[in-house]
Amino acid sequence: MAVPKRKTSQAKTSSRKAANMKKTATGLSTCPQCHEPKLPHRVCPNCGYYDGKDVVSAE
């Protein structure tokens, strides 16, 4: 089994993990009814519309 010869430094570890820290939430679209951000192909949590139809009654 392979064993590392030296301890990996904190700078090396942090620079490797830094690429994942820069990622942002993508794929948000706007609801055509209320113009709030929502995930695509899902019912809008704000107004309850999906594909132009009232699917869930908003409270």
PDB file of N, CA and C in Angstrom:
ATOM      1  N   MET A   1       0.845  -1.171   0.000  1.00  0.00           N
ATOM      2  CA  MET A   1       0.000   0.000   0.000  1.00  0.00           C
ATOM      3  C   MET A   1       0.893   1.238   0.000  1.00  0.00           C
ATOM      4  N   ALA A   2       0.541   2.224  -0.825  1.00  0.00           N
ATOM      5  CA  ALA A   2       1.354   3.426  -0.927  1.00  0.00           C
ATOM      6  C   ALA A   2       1.183   4.296   0.310  1.00  0.00           C
ATOM      7  N   VAL A   3       2.327   4.773   0.824  1.00  0.00           N
ATOM      8  CA  VAL A   3       2.330   5.630   2.003  1.00  0.00           C
ATOM      9  C   VAL A   3       3.073   6.911   1.633  1.00  0.00           C
ATOM     10  N   PRO A   4       2.517   8.097   1.960  1.00  0.00           N
ATOM     11  CA  PRO A   4       3.218   9.324   1.635  1.00  0.00           C
ATOM     12  C   PRO A   4       4.530   9.437   2.407  1.00  0.00           C
ATOM     13  N   LYS A   5       5.571   9.936   1.716  1.00  0.00           N
ATOM     14  CA  LYS A   5       6.877  10.063   2.352  1.00  0.00           C
ATOM     15  C   LYS A   5       6.926  11.256   3.287  1.00  0.00           C
ATOM     16  N   ARG A   6       6.207  12.337   2.938  1.00  0.00           N
ATOM     17  CA  ARG A   6       6.208  13.544   3.757  1.00  0.00           C
ATOM     18  C   ARG A   6       4.762  13.976   4.021  1.00  0.00           C
ATOM     19  N   LYS A   7       4.579  14.741   5.100  1.00  0.00           N
ATOM     20  CA  LYS A   7       3.271  15.304   5.413  1.00  0.00           C
ATOM     21  C   LYS A   7       2.934  16.377   4.379  1.00  0.00           C
ATOM     22  N   THR A   8       1.687  16.380   3.910  1.00  0.00           N
ATOM     23  CA  THR A   8       1.244  17.400   2.964  1.00  0.00           C
ATOM     24  C   THR A   8       1.053  18.703   3.719  1.00  0.00           C
ATOM     25  N   SER A   9       1.679  19.766   3.220  1.00  0.00           N
ATOM     26  CA  SER A   9       1.630  21.055   3.907  1.00  0.00           C
ATOM     27  C   SER A   9       0.225  21.653   3.835  1.00  0.00           C
ATOM     28  N   GLN A  10      -0.028  22.590   4.749  1.00  0.00           N
ATOM     29  CA  GLN A  10      -1.333  23.241   4.791  1.00  0.00           C
ATOM     30  C   GLN A  10      -1.557  24.072   3.531  1.00  0.00           C
ATOM     31  N   ALA A  11      -0.499  24.701   3.022  1.00  0.00           N
ATOM     32  CA  ALA A  11      -0.640  25.505   1.808  1.00  0.00           C
ATOM     33  C   ALA A  11      -1.010  24.635   0.614  1.00  0.00           C
ATOM     34  N   LYS A  12      -0.401  23.470   0.513  1.00  0.00           N
ATOM     35  CA  LYS A  12      -0.695  22.551  -0.587  1.00  0.00           C
ATOM     36  C   LYS A  12      -2.142  22.064  -0.496  1.00  0.00           C
ATOM     37  N   THR A  13      -2.579  21.723   0.722  1.00  0.00           N
ATOM     38  CA  THR A  13      -3.944  21.246   0.926  1.00  0.00           C
ATOM     39  C   THR A  13      -4.953  22.349   0.646  1.00  0.00           C
ATOM     40  N   SER A  14      -4.670  23.564   1.138  1.00  0.00           N
ATOM     41  CA  SER A  14      -5.599  24.678   0.959  1.00  0.00           C
ATOM     42  C   SER A  14      -5.724  25.085  -0.499  1.00  0.00           C
ATOM     43  N   SER A  15      -4.594  25.074  -1.224  1.00  0.00           N
ATOM     44  CA  SER A  15      -4.659  25.460  -2.630  1.00  0.00           C
ATOM     45  C   SER A  15      -5.413  24.426  -3.453  1.00  0.00           C
ATOM     46  N   ARG A  16      -5.365  23.177  -3.055  1.00  0.00           N
ATOM     47  CA  ARG A  16      -6.114  22.141  -3.757  1.00  0.00           C
ATOM     48  C   ARG A  16      -7.612  22.292  -3.498  1.00  0.00           C
ATOM     49  N   LYS A  17      -7.976  22.651  -2.266  1.00  0.00           N
ATOM     50  CA  LYS A  17      -9.382  22.787  -1.910  1.00  0.00           C
ATOM     51  C   LYS A  17      -9.973  24.127  -2.341  1.00  0.00           C
ATOM     52  N   ALA A  18      -9.118  25.100  -2.682  1.00  0.00           N
ATOM     53  CA  ALA A  18      -9.587  26.452  -2.986  1.00  0.00           C
ATOM     54  C   ALA A  18     -10.441  26.496  -4.246  1.00  0.00           C
ATOM     55  N   ALA A  19     -10.223  25.586  -5.195  1.00  0.00           N
ATOM     56  CA  ALA A  19     -10.980  25.596  -6.443  1.00  0.00           C
ATOM     57  C   ALA A  19     -12.455  25.318  -6.179  1.00  0.00           C
ATOM     58  N   ASN A  20     -12.758  24.490  -5.192  1.00  0.00           N
ATOM     59  CA  ASN A  20     -14.153  24.173  -4.879  1.00  0.00           C
ATOM     60  C   ASN A  20     -14.833  25.298  -4.118  1.00  0.00           C
ATOM     61  N   MET A  21     -14.051  26.124  -3.420  1.00  0.00           N
ATOM     62  CA  MET A  21     -14.629  27.229  -2.656  1.00  0.00           C
ATOM     63  C   MET A  21     -15.159  28.317  -3.586  1.00  0.00           C
ATOM     64  N   LYS A  22     -14.610  28.425  -4.790  1.00  0.00           N
ATOM     65  CA  LYS A  22     -14.979  29.486  -5.716  1.00  0.00           C
ATOM     66  C   LYS A  22     -16.285  29.205  -6.437  1.00  0.00           C
ATOM     67  N   LYS A  23     -16.772  27.985  -6.374  1.00  0.00           N
ATOM     68  CA  LYS A  23     -17.978  27.624  -7.106  1.00  0.00           C
ATOM     69  C   LYS A  23     -19.189  28.343  -6.526  1.00  0.00           C
ATOM     70  N   THR A  24     -20.066  28.784  -7.400  1.00  0.00           N
ATOM     71  CA  THR A  24     -21.285  29.457  -6.990  1.00  0.00           C
ATOM     72  C   THR A  24     -22.487  28.626  -7.423  1.00  0.00           C
ATOM     73  N   ALA A  25     -23.607  28.940  -6.843  1.00  0.00           N
ATOM     74  CA  ALA A  25     -24.831  28.251  -7.216  1.00  0.00           C
ATOM     75  C   ALA A  25     -25.214  28.657  -8.634  1.00  0.00           C
ATOM     76  N   THR A  26     -25.375  27.692  -9.503  1.00  0.00           N
ATOM     77  CA  THR A  26     -25.713  27.981 -10.890  1.00  0.00           C
ATOM     78  C   THR A  26     -27.061  27.357 -11.223  1.00  0.00           C
ATOM     79  N   GLY A  27     -27.571  27.719 -12.361  1.00  0.00           N
ATOM     80  CA  GLY A  27     -28.793  27.098 -12.847  1.00  0.00           C
ATOM     81  C   GLY A  27     -30.053  27.744 -12.355  1.00  0.00           C
ATOM     82  N   LEU A  28     -29.973  28.902 -11.698  1.00  0.00           N
ATOM     83  CA  LEU A  28     -31.187  29.571 -11.272  1.00  0.00           C
ATOM     84  C   LEU A  28     -31.828  30.263 -12.468  1.00  0.00           C
ATOM     85  N   SER A  29     -33.131  30.146 -12.552  1.00  0.00           N
ATOM     86  CA  SER A  29     -33.886  30.837 -13.592  1.00  0.00           C
ATOM     87  C   SER A  29     -34.944  31.701 -12.904  1.00  0.00           C
ATOM     88  N   THR A  30     -35.594  32.538 -13.663  1.00  0.00           N
ATOM     89  CA  THR A  30     -36.623  33.392 -13.087  1.00  0.00           C
ATOM     90  C   THR A  30     -38.000  32.838 -13.415  1.00  0.00           C
ATOM     91  N   CYS A  31     -38.885  32.969 -12.480  1.00  0.00           N
ATOM     92  CA  CYS A  31     -40.266  32.523 -12.659  1.00  0.00           C
ATOM     93  C   CYS A  31     -40.970  33.497 -13.601  1.00  0.00           C
ATOM     94  N   PRO A  32     -41.664  33.010 -14.622  1.00  0.00           N
ATOM     95  CA  PRO A  32     -42.348  33.933 -15.537  1.00  0.00           C
ATOM     96  C   PRO A  32     -43.548  34.637 -14.904  1.00  0.00           C
ATOM     97  N   GLN A  33     -44.081  34.102 -13.815  1.00  0.00           N
ATOM     98  CA  GLN A  33     -45.245  34.707 -13.170  1.00  0.00           C
ATOM     99  C   GLN A  33     -44.848  35.828 -12.195  1.00  0.00           C
ATOM    100  N   CYS A  34     -43.948  35.492 -11.252  1.00  0.00           N
ATOM    101  CA  CYS A  34     -43.618  36.446 -10.194  1.00  0.00           C
ATOM    102  C   CYS A  34     -42.209  37.012 -10.320  1.00  0.00           C
ATOM    103  N   HIS A  35     -41.422  36.509 -11.272  1.00  0.00           N
ATOM    104  CA  HIS A  35     -40.065  36.985 -11.552  1.00  0.00           C
ATOM    105  C   HIS A  35     -39.107  36.813 -10.376  1.00  0.00           C
ATOM    106  N   GLU A  36     -39.346  35.810  -9.553  1.00  0.00           N
ATOM    107  CA  GLU A  36     -38.430  35.463  -8.465  1.00  0.00           C
ATOM    108  C   GLU A  36     -37.494  34.356  -8.945  1.00  0.00           C
ATOM    109  N   PRO A  37     -36.287  34.257  -8.396  1.00  0.00           N
ATOM    110  CA  PRO A  37     -35.392  33.170  -8.796  1.00  0.00           C
ATOM    111  C   PRO A  37     -35.899  31.825  -8.291  1.00  0.00           C
ATOM    112  N   LYS A  38     -35.776  30.807  -9.149  1.00  0.00           N
ATOM    113  CA  LYS A  38     -36.202  29.456  -8.779  1.00  0.00           C
ATOM    114  C   LYS A  38     -35.339  28.454  -9.523  1.00  0.00           C
ATOM    115  N   LEU A  39     -35.348  27.219  -9.086  1.00  0.00           N
ATOM    116  CA  LEU A  39     -34.633  26.163  -9.777  1.00  0.00           C
ATOM    117  C   LEU A  39     -35.432  25.752 -11.011  1.00  0.00           C
ATOM    118  N   PRO A  40     -34.751  25.450 -12.113  1.00  0.00           N
ATOM    119  CA  PRO A  40     -35.491  25.083 -13.322  1.00  0.00           C
ATOM    120  C   PRO A  40     -36.196  23.734 -13.175  1.00  0.00           C
ATOM    121  N   HIS A  41     -37.291  23.582 -13.867  1.00  0.00           N
ATOM    122  CA  HIS A  41     -38.104  22.350 -13.892  1.00  0.00           C
ATOM    123  C   HIS A  41     -38.670  22.016 -12.519  1.00  0.00           C
ATOM    124  N   ARG A  42     -38.964  23.039 -11.729  1.00  0.00           N
ATOM    125  CA  ARG A  42     -39.568  22.843 -10.418  1.00  0.00           C
ATOM    126  C   ARG A  42     -40.651  23.885 -10.201  1.00  0.00           C
ATOM    127  N   VAL A  43     -41.573  23.584  -9.298  1.00  0.00           N
ATOM    128  CA  VAL A  43     -42.634  24.530  -8.958  1.00  0.00           C
ATOM    129  C   VAL A  43     -42.005  25.718  -8.249  1.00  0.00           C
ATOM    130  N   CYS A  44     -42.455  26.903  -8.575  1.00  0.00           N
ATOM    131  CA  CYS A  44     -41.942  28.116  -7.940  1.00  0.00           C
ATOM    132  C   CYS A  44     -42.367  28.111  -6.471  1.00  0.00           C
ATOM    133  N   PRO A  45     -41.424  28.240  -5.541  1.00  0.00           N
ATOM    134  CA  PRO A  45     -41.809  28.228  -4.125  1.00  0.00           C
ATOM    135  C   PRO A  45     -42.539  29.499  -3.706  1.00  0.00           C
ATOM    136  N   ASN A  46     -42.420  30.553  -4.495  1.00  0.00           N
ATOM    137  CA  ASN A  46     -43.040  31.818  -4.127  1.00  0.00           C
ATOM    138  C   ASN A  46     -44.513  31.879  -4.541  1.00  0.00           C
ATOM    139  N   CYS A  47     -44.803  31.544  -5.808  1.00  0.00           N
ATOM    140  CA  CYS A  47     -46.184  31.685  -6.293  1.00  0.00           C
ATOM    141  C   CYS A  47     -46.882  30.349  -6.546  1.00  0.00           C
ATOM    142  N   GLY A  48     -46.136  29.247  -6.656  1.00  0.00           N
ATOM    143  CA  GLY A  48     -46.760  27.942  -6.832  1.00  0.00           C
ATOM    144  C   GLY A  48     -47.100  27.591  -8.266  1.00  0.00           C
ATOM    145  N   TYR A  49     -46.561  28.324  -9.238  1.00  0.00           N
ATOM    146  CA  TYR A  49     -46.836  28.059 -10.648  1.00  0.00           C
ATOM    147  C   TYR A  49     -45.751  27.169 -11.243  1.00  0.00           C
ATOM    148  N   TYR A  50     -46.160  26.343 -12.206  1.00  0.00           N
ATOM    149  CA  TYR A  50     -45.231  25.541 -12.989  1.00  0.00           C
ATOM    150  C   TYR A  50     -45.784  25.433 -14.394  1.00  0.00           C
ATOM    151  N   ASP A  51     -45.002  25.802 -15.389  1.00  0.00           N
ATOM    152  CA  ASP A  51     -45.372  25.722 -16.797  1.00  0.00           C
ATOM    153  C   ASP A  51     -46.646  26.521 -17.082  1.00  0.00           C
ATOM    154  N   GLY A  52     -46.793  27.672 -16.424  1.00  0.00           N
ATOM    155  CA  GLY A  52     -47.930  28.540 -16.663  1.00  0.00           C
ATOM    156  C   GLY A  52     -49.209  28.117 -15.994  1.00  0.00           C
ATOM    157  N   LYS A  53     -49.161  27.070 -15.166  1.00  0.00           N
ATOM    158  CA  LYS A  53     -50.355  26.570 -14.498  1.00  0.00           C
ATOM    159  C   LYS A  53     -50.176  26.676 -12.982  1.00  0.00           C
ATOM    160  N   ASP A  54     -51.278  26.956 -12.290  1.00  0.00           N
ATOM    161  CA  ASP A  54     -51.254  27.016 -10.831  1.00  0.00           C
ATOM    162  C   ASP A  54     -51.290  25.593 -10.299  1.00  0.00           C
ATOM    163  N   VAL A  55     -50.135  25.102  -9.816  1.00  0.00           N
ATOM    164  CA  VAL A  55     -50.036  23.714  -9.366  1.00  0.00           C
ATOM    165  C   VAL A  55     -50.230  23.617  -7.868  1.00  0.00           C
ATOM    166  N   VAL A  56     -49.594  24.493  -7.128  1.00  0.00           N
ATOM    167  CA  VAL A  56     -49.673  24.481  -5.669  1.00  0.00           C
ATOM    168  C   VAL A  56     -50.261  25.817  -5.231  1.00  0.00           C
ATOM    169  N   SER A  57     -51.229  25.761  -4.346  1.00  0.00           N
ATOM    170  CA  SER A  57     -51.809  27.006  -3.861  1.00  0.00           C
ATOM    171  C   SER A  57     -50.828  27.693  -2.930  1.00  0.00           C
ATOM    172  N   ALA A  58     -50.432  28.905  -3.264  1.00  0.00           N
ATOM    173  CA  ALA A  58     -49.481  29.663  -2.447  1.00  0.00           C
ATOM    174  C   ALA A  58     -50.223  30.243  -1.246  1.00  0.00           C
ATOM    175  N   GLU A  59     -49.512  30.257  -0.131  1.00  0.00           N
ATOM    176  CA  GLU A  59     -50.142  30.750   1.104  1.00  0.00           C
ATOM    177  C   GLU A  59     -49.806  32.201   1.340  1.00  0.00           C
TER     178      GLU A  59
END
